[in-house]
PDB file of all heavy atoms in Angstrom:
ATOM      1  N   ALA A   1     133.810  22.383  47.034  1.00  0.00           N
ATOM      2  CA  ALA A   1     134.294  21.427  48.038  1.00  0.00           C
ATOM      3  C   ALA A   1     135.469  20.614  47.490  1.00  0.00           C
ATOM      4  O   ALA A   1     136.424  20.344  48.212  1.00  0.00           O
ATOM      5  CB  ALA A   1     133.162  20.493  48.466  1.00  0.00           C
ATOM      6  N   THR A   2     135.407  20.267  46.225  1.00  0.00           N
ATOM      7  CA  THR A   2     136.496  19.513  45.609  1.00  0.00           C
ATOM      8  C   THR A   2     137.732  20.393  45.461  1.00  0.00           C
ATOM      9  O   THR A   2     138.853  19.961  45.765  1.00  0.00           O
ATOM     10  CB  THR A   2     136.064  18.967  44.226  1.00  0.00           C
ATOM     11  OG1 THR A   2     134.882  18.181  44.391  1.00  0.00           O
ATOM     12  CG2 THR A   2     137.141  18.094  43.628  1.00  0.00           C
ATOM     13  N   ALA A   3     137.553  21.608  45.002  1.00  0.00           N
ATOM     14  CA  ALA A   3     138.678  22.523  44.813  1.00  0.00           C
ATOM     15  C   ALA A   3     139.362  22.857  46.127  1.00  0.00           C
ATOM     16  O   ALA A   3     140.581  23.017  46.181  1.00  0.00           O
ATOM     17  CB  ALA A   3     138.212  23.801  44.118  1.00  0.00           C
ATOM     18  N   SER A   4     138.594  22.948  47.200  1.00  0.00           N
ATOM     19  CA  SER A   4     139.176  23.274  48.504  1.00  0.00           C
ATOM     20  C   SER A   4     139.675  22.039  49.246  1.00  0.00           C
ATOM     21  O   SER A   4     140.048  22.123  50.403  1.00  0.00           O
ATOM     22  CB  SER A   4     138.159  24.041  49.358  1.00  0.00           C
ATOM     23  OG  SER A   4     137.066  23.203  49.652  1.00  0.00           O
ATOM     24  N   LYS A   5     139.656  20.892  48.569  1.00  0.00           N
ATOM     25  CA  LYS A   5     140.194  19.625  49.091  1.00  0.00           C
ATOM     26  C   LYS A   5     139.414  19.081  50.291  1.00  0.00           C
ATOM     27  O   LYS A   5     139.910  18.267  51.033  1.00  0.00           O
ATOM     28  CB  LYS A   5     141.675  19.757  49.471  1.00  0.00           C
ATOM     29  CG  LYS A   5     142.539  20.343  48.390  1.00  0.00           C
ATOM     30  CD  LYS A   5     143.071  19.271  47.499  1.00  0.00           C
ATOM     31  CE  LYS A   5     144.165  19.861  46.630  1.00  0.00           C
ATOM     32  NZ  LYS A   5     144.043  19.608  45.263  1.00  0.00           N
ATOM     33  N   ARG A   6     138.173  19.553  50.484  1.00  0.00           N
ATOM     34  CA  ARG A   6     137.333  18.985  51.533  1.00  0.00           C
ATOM     35  C   ARG A   6     136.704  17.673  51.078  1.00  0.00           C
ATOM     36  O   ARG A   6     136.347  16.841  51.897  1.00  0.00           O
ATOM     37  CB  ARG A   6     136.240  19.966  51.941  1.00  0.00           C
ATOM     38  CG  ARG A   6     136.779  21.176  52.695  1.00  0.00           C
ATOM     39  CD  ARG A   6     135.661  22.084  53.062  1.00  0.00           C
ATOM     40  NE  ARG A   6     134.961  22.448  51.809  1.00  0.00           N
ATOM     41  CZ  ARG A   6     133.965  23.294  51.722  1.00  0.00           C
ATOM     42  NH1 ARG A   6     133.508  23.874  52.790  1.00  0.00           N
ATOM     43  NH2 ARG A   6     133.402  23.573  50.573  1.00  0.00           N
ATOM     44  N   VAL A   7     136.543  17.536  49.784  1.00  0.00           N
ATOM     45  CA  VAL A   7     135.946  16.348  49.188  1.00  0.00           C
ATOM     46  C   VAL A   7     136.797  15.952  47.988  1.00  0.00           C
ATOM     47  O   VAL A   7     137.156  16.802  47.176  1.00  0.00           O
ATOM     48  CB  VAL A   7     134.490  16.627  48.713  1.00  0.00           C
ATOM     49  CG1 VAL A   7     133.913  15.441  47.974  1.00  0.00           C
ATOM     50  CG2 VAL A   7     133.615  17.017  49.878  1.00  0.00           C
ATOM     51  N   SER A   8     137.116  14.657  47.887  1.00  0.00           N
ATOM     52  CA  SER A   8     137.897  14.207  46.737  1.00  0.00           C
ATOM     53  C   SER A   8     136.957  13.944  45.553  1.00  0.00           C
ATOM     54  O   SER A   8     135.744  13.802  45.724  1.00  0.00           O
ATOM     55  CB  SER A   8     138.665  12.932  47.076  1.00  0.00           C
ATOM     56  OG  SER A   8     137.781  11.830  47.187  1.00  0.00           O
ATOM     57  N   VAL A   9     137.524  13.861  44.372  1.00  0.00           N
ATOM     58  CA  VAL A   9     136.730  13.530  43.186  1.00  0.00           C
ATOM     59  C   VAL A   9     136.073  12.170  43.383  1.00  0.00           C
ATOM     60  O   VAL A   9     134.899  11.970  43.059  1.00  0.00           O
ATOM     61  CB  VAL A   9     137.599  13.551  41.910  1.00  0.00           C
ATOM     62  CG1 VAL A   9     136.816  13.046  40.708  1.00  0.00           C
ATOM     63  CG2 VAL A   9     138.143  14.945  41.659  1.00  0.00           C
ATOM     64  N   GLY A  10     136.806  11.231  43.955  1.00  0.00           N
ATOM     65  CA  GLY A  10     136.258   9.902  44.202  1.00  0.00           C
ATOM     66  C   GLY A  10     135.060   9.940  45.134  1.00  0.00           C
ATOM     67  O   GLY A  10     134.066   9.253  44.919  1.00  0.00           O
ATOM     68  N   GLU A  11     135.143  10.759  46.191  1.00  0.00           N
ATOM     69  CA  GLU A  11     134.010  10.885  47.118  1.00  0.00           C
ATOM     70  C   GLU A  11     132.805  11.505  46.412  1.00  0.00           C
ATOM     71  O   GLU A  11     131.673  11.034  46.563  1.00  0.00           O
ATOM     72  CB  GLU A  11     134.396  11.745  48.322  1.00  0.00           C
ATOM     73  CG  GLU A  11     135.338  11.062  49.274  1.00  0.00           C
ATOM     74  CD  GLU A  11     135.864  12.009  50.338  1.00  0.00           C
ATOM     75  OE1 GLU A  11     136.306  13.126  50.006  1.00  0.00           O
ATOM     76  OE2 GLU A  11     135.831  11.602  51.514  1.00  0.00           O
ATOM     77  N   LEU A  12     133.064  12.537  45.645  1.00  0.00           N
ATOM     78  CA  LEU A  12     131.995  13.234  44.940  1.00  0.00           C
ATOM     79  C   LEU A  12     131.259  12.286  43.996  1.00  0.00           C
ATOM     80  O   LEU A  12     130.035  12.214  44.000  1.00  0.00           O
ATOM     81  CB  LEU A  12     132.581  14.416  44.165  1.00  0.00           C
ATOM     82  CG  LEU A  12     131.626  15.249  43.338  1.00  0.00           C
ATOM     83  CD1 LEU A  12     130.649  15.968  44.254  1.00  0.00           C
ATOM     84  CD2 LEU A  12     132.408  16.244  42.501  1.00  0.00           C
ATOM     85  N   VAL A  13     132.002  11.535  43.216  1.00  0.00           N
ATOM     86  CA  VAL A  13     131.394  10.628  42.240  1.00  0.00           C
ATOM     87  C   VAL A  13     130.754   9.426  42.925  1.00  0.00           C
ATOM     88  O   VAL A  13     129.629   9.040  42.609  1.00  0.00           O
ATOM     89  CB  VAL A  13     132.431  10.176  41.195  1.00  0.00           C
ATOM     90  CG1 VAL A  13     131.872   9.075  40.305  1.00  0.00           C
ATOM     91  CG2 VAL A  13     132.892  11.357  40.362  1.00  0.00           C
ATOM     92  N   SER A  14     131.447   8.826  43.876  1.00  0.00           N
ATOM     93  CA  SER A  14     130.931   7.601  44.495  1.00  0.00           C
ATOM     94  C   SER A  14     129.599   7.811  45.198  1.00  0.00           C
ATOM     95  O   SER A  14     128.766   6.907  45.234  1.00  0.00           O
ATOM     96  CB  SER A  14     131.957   6.997  45.454  1.00  0.00           C
ATOM     97  OG  SER A  14     132.192   7.845  46.550  1.00  0.00           O
ATOM     98  N   HIS A  15     129.367   9.007  45.718  1.00  0.00           N
ATOM     99  CA  HIS A  15     128.085   9.284  46.379  1.00  0.00           C
ATOM    100  C   HIS A  15     126.944   9.409  45.373  1.00  0.00           C
ATOM    101  O   HIS A  15     125.779   9.326  45.744  1.00  0.00           O
ATOM    102  CB  HIS A  15     128.167  10.543  47.240  1.00  0.00           C
ATOM    103  CG  HIS A  15     128.858  10.298  48.536  1.00  0.00           C
ATOM    104  ND1 HIS A  15     128.249   9.656  49.586  1.00  0.00           N
ATOM    105  CD2 HIS A  15     130.113  10.577  48.944  1.00  0.00           C
ATOM    106  CE1 HIS A  15     129.097   9.546  50.591  1.00  0.00           C
ATOM    107  NE2 HIS A  15     130.237  10.107  50.229  1.00  0.00           N
ATOM    108  N   GLN A  16     127.285   9.603  44.114  1.00  0.00           N
ATOM    109  CA  GLN A  16     126.246   9.728  43.095  1.00  0.00           C
ATOM    110  C   GLN A  16     125.953   8.416  42.375  1.00  0.00           C
ATOM    111  O   GLN A  16     124.926   8.302  41.713  1.00  0.00           O
ATOM    112  CB  GLN A  16     126.665  10.782  42.065  1.00  0.00           C
ATOM    113  CG  GLN A  16     126.737  12.165  42.651  1.00  0.00           C
ATOM    114  CD  GLN A  16     127.036  13.181  41.585  1.00  0.00           C
ATOM    115  OE1 GLN A  16     126.399  13.192  40.539  1.00  0.00           O
ATOM    116  NE2 GLN A  16     128.001  14.038  41.848  1.00  0.00           N
ATOM    117  N   LEU A  17     126.844   7.454  42.499  1.00  0.00           N
ATOM    118  CA  LEU A  17     126.631   6.177  41.819  1.00  0.00           C
ATOM    119  C   LEU A  17     125.612   5.334  42.592  1.00  0.00           C
ATOM    120  O   LEU A  17     125.686   5.218  43.808  1.00  0.00           O
ATOM    121  CB  LEU A  17     127.951   5.409  41.701  1.00  0.00           C
ATOM    122  CG  LEU A  17     129.023   6.052  40.839  1.00  0.00           C
ATOM    123  CD1 LEU A  17     130.284   5.198  40.862  1.00  0.00           C
ATOM    124  CD2 LEU A  17     128.537   6.252  39.412  1.00  0.00           C
ATOM    125  N   SER A  18     124.692   4.758  41.858  1.00  0.00           N
ATOM    126  CA  SER A  18     123.694   3.895  42.476  1.00  0.00           C
ATOM    127  C   SER A  18     124.339   2.565  42.848  1.00  0.00           C
ATOM    128  O   SER A  18     125.127   2.012  42.085  1.00  0.00           O
ATOM    129  CB  SER A  18     122.549   3.667  41.488  1.00  0.00           C
ATOM    130  OG  SER A  18     121.582   2.823  42.044  1.00  0.00           O
ATOM    131  N   HIS A  19     124.021   2.065  44.027  1.00  0.00           N
ATOM    132  CA  HIS A  19     124.496   0.747  44.458  1.00  0.00           C
ATOM    133  C   HIS A  19     123.434   0.082  45.325  1.00  0.00           C
ATOM    134  O   HIS A  19     123.697  -0.434  46.397  1.00  0.00           O
ATOM    135  CB  HIS A  19     125.857   0.838  45.178  1.00  0.00           C
ATOM    136  CG  HIS A  19     125.930   1.918  46.206  1.00  0.00           C
ATOM    137  ND1 HIS A  19     126.447   3.145  45.938  1.00  0.00           N
ATOM    138  CD2 HIS A  19     125.511   1.960  47.486  1.00  0.00           C
ATOM    139  CE1 HIS A  19     126.365   3.899  47.022  1.00  0.00           C
ATOM    140  NE2 HIS A  19     125.797   3.201  47.971  1.00  0.00           N
ATOM    141  N   ASN A  20     122.210   0.125  44.785  1.00  0.00           N
ATOM    142  CA  ASN A  20     121.068  -0.431  45.504  1.00  0.00           C
ATOM    143  C   ASN A  20     120.914  -1.935  45.339  1.00  0.00           C
ATOM    144  O   ASN A  20     120.155  -2.553  46.070  1.00  0.00           O
ATOM    145  CB  ASN A  20     119.769   0.242  45.048  1.00  0.00           C
ATOM    146  CG  ASN A  20     119.740   1.697  45.450  1.00  0.00           C
ATOM    147  OD1 ASN A  20     120.152   2.036  46.546  1.00  0.00           O
ATOM    148  ND2 ASN A  20     119.280   2.541  44.555  1.00  0.00           N
ATOM    149  N   ASN A  21     121.595  -2.503  44.361  1.00  0.00           N
ATOM    150  CA  ASN A  21     121.482  -3.933  44.116  1.00  0.00           C
ATOM    151  C   ASN A  21     122.768  -4.432  43.451  1.00  0.00           C
ATOM    152  O   ASN A  21     123.639  -3.641  43.091  1.00  0.00           O
ATOM    153  CB  ASN A  21     120.248  -4.249  43.268  1.00  0.00           C
ATOM    154  CG  ASN A  21     120.221  -3.460  41.978  1.00  0.00           C
ATOM    155  OD1 ASN A  21     121.182  -3.460  41.223  1.00  0.00           O
ATOM    156  ND2 ASN A  21     119.115  -2.772  41.720  1.00  0.00           N
ATOM    157  N   LEU A  22     122.858  -5.718  43.290  1.00  0.00           N
ATOM    158  CA  LEU A  22     124.059  -6.317  42.721  1.00  0.00           C
ATOM    159  C   LEU A  22     124.306  -5.844  41.293  1.00  0.00           C
ATOM    160  O   LEU A  22     125.447  -5.593  40.914  1.00  0.00           O
ATOM    161  CB  LEU A  22     123.957  -7.842  42.769  1.00  0.00           C
ATOM    162  CG  LEU A  22     125.168  -8.618  42.275  1.00  0.00           C
ATOM    163  CD1 LEU A  22     126.423  -8.247  43.062  1.00  0.00           C
ATOM    164  CD2 LEU A  22     124.905 -10.114  42.354  1.00  0.00           C
ATOM    165  N   SER A  23     123.263  -5.680  40.535  1.00  0.00           N
ATOM    166  CA  SER A  23     123.403  -5.226  39.156  1.00  0.00           C
ATOM    167  C   SER A  23     124.054  -3.837  39.085  1.00  0.00           C
ATOM    168  O   SER A  23     124.909  -3.584  38.235  1.00  0.00           O
ATOM    169  CB  SER A  23     122.033  -5.207  38.479  1.00  0.00           C
ATOM    170  OG  SER A  23     122.132  -4.759  37.169  1.00  0.00           O
ATOM    171  N   ASP A  24     123.648  -2.925  39.976  1.00  0.00           N
ATOM    172  CA  ASP A  24     124.258  -1.588  40.033  1.00  0.00           C
ATOM    173  C   ASP A  24     125.754  -1.687  40.316  1.00  0.00           C
ATOM    174  O   ASP A  24     126.574  -1.031  39.666  1.00  0.00           O
ATOM    175  CB  ASP A  24     123.618  -0.733  41.133  1.00  0.00           C
ATOM    176  CG  ASP A  24     122.221  -0.260  40.813  1.00  0.00           C
ATOM    177  OD1 ASP A  24     121.800  -0.339  39.650  1.00  0.00           O
ATOM    178  OD2 ASP A  24     121.540   0.197  41.760  1.00  0.00           O
ATOM    179  N   ILE A  25     126.103  -2.494  41.294  1.00  0.00           N
ATOM    180  CA  ILE A  25     127.511  -2.633  41.682  1.00  0.00           C
ATOM    181  C   ILE A  25     128.323  -3.239  40.551  1.00  0.00           C
ATOM    182  O   ILE A  25     129.415  -2.759  40.225  1.00  0.00           O
ATOM    183  CB  ILE A  25     127.630  -3.466  42.973  1.00  0.00           C
ATOM    184  CG1 ILE A  25     127.028  -2.683  44.138  1.00  0.00           C
ATOM    185  CG2 ILE A  25     129.085  -3.835  43.264  1.00  0.00           C
ATOM    186  CD1 ILE A  25     126.862  -3.467  45.407  1.00  0.00           C
ATOM    187  N   GLU A  26     127.797  -4.278  39.926  1.00  0.00           N
ATOM    188  CA  GLU A  26     128.502  -4.916  38.810  1.00  0.00           C
ATOM    189  C   GLU A  26     128.692  -3.946  37.659  1.00  0.00           C
ATOM    190  O   GLU A  26     129.765  -3.889  37.047  1.00  0.00           O
ATOM    191  CB  GLU A  26     127.742  -6.158  38.341  1.00  0.00           C
ATOM    192  CG  GLU A  26     127.801  -7.298  39.325  1.00  0.00           C
ATOM    193  CD  GLU A  26     126.941  -8.479  38.929  1.00  0.00           C
ATOM    194  OE1 GLU A  26     125.963  -8.308  38.148  1.00  0.00           O
ATOM    195  OE2 GLU A  26     127.224  -9.578  39.420  1.00  0.00           O
ATOM    196  N   SER A  27     127.685  -3.154  37.376  1.00  0.00           N
ATOM    197  CA  SER A  27     127.771  -2.172  36.301  1.00  0.00           C
ATOM    198  C   SER A  27     128.820  -1.101  36.616  1.00  0.00           C
ATOM    199  O   SER A  27     129.667  -0.768  35.772  1.00  0.00           O
ATOM    200  CB  SER A  27     126.402  -1.529  36.086  1.00  0.00           C
ATOM    201  OG  SER A  27     126.473  -0.526  35.116  1.00  0.00           O
ATOM    202  N   ASN A  28     128.781  -0.561  37.829  1.00  0.00           N
ATOM    203  CA  ASN A  28     129.748   0.474  38.224  1.00  0.00           C
ATOM    204  C   ASN A  28     131.177  -0.053  38.191  1.00  0.00           C
ATOM    205  O   ASN A  28     132.087   0.612  37.686  1.00  0.00           O
ATOM    206  CB  ASN A  28     129.430   0.992  39.621  1.00  0.00           C
ATOM    207  CG  ASN A  28     128.131   1.756  39.676  1.00  0.00           C
ATOM    208  OD1 ASN A  28     127.644   2.278  38.677  1.00  0.00           O
ATOM    209  ND2 ASN A  28     127.534   1.812  40.848  1.00  0.00           N
ATOM    210  N   LEU A  29     131.396  -1.248  38.725  1.00  0.00           N
ATOM    211  CA  LEU A  29     132.742  -1.815  38.741  1.00  0.00           C
ATOM    212  C   LEU A  29     133.217  -2.169  37.336  1.00  0.00           C
ATOM    213  O   LEU A  29     134.403  -2.030  37.023  1.00  0.00           O
ATOM    214  CB  LEU A  29     132.815  -3.024  39.668  1.00  0.00           C
ATOM    215  CG  LEU A  29     132.770  -2.681  41.151  1.00  0.00           C
ATOM    216  CD1 LEU A  29     132.703  -3.943  41.999  1.00  0.00           C
ATOM    217  CD2 LEU A  29     133.967  -1.829  41.554  1.00  0.00           C
ATOM    218  N   SER A  30     132.306  -2.600  36.475  1.00  0.00           N
ATOM    219  CA  SER A  30     132.681  -2.891  35.088  1.00  0.00           C
ATOM    220  C   SER A  30     133.194  -1.633  34.400  1.00  0.00           C
ATOM    221  O   SER A  30     134.194  -1.667  33.680  1.00  0.00           O
ATOM    222  CB  SER A  30     131.489  -3.471  34.309  1.00  0.00           C
ATOM    223  OG  SER A  30     131.165  -4.763  34.780  1.00  0.00           O
ATOM    224  N   VAL A  31     132.518  -0.505  34.637  1.00  0.00           N
ATOM    225  CA  VAL A  31     132.964   0.765  34.050  1.00  0.00           C
ATOM    226  C   VAL A  31     134.321   1.159  34.628  1.00  0.00           C
ATOM    227  O   VAL A  31     135.264   1.448  33.886  1.00  0.00           O
ATOM    228  CB  VAL A  31     131.923   1.883  34.279  1.00  0.00           C
ATOM    229  CG1 VAL A  31     132.504   3.249  33.927  1.00  0.00           C
ATOM    230  CG2 VAL A  31     130.660   1.622  33.468  1.00  0.00           C
TER     231      VAL A  31
END
């Protein structure tokens, strides 16, 4: 899907990152 440009790398990764609470979001944004 990424190679065929249907999904960007950002979309692929962002769907896998946890963002269930503030701590998750702070951790992801810090990285």
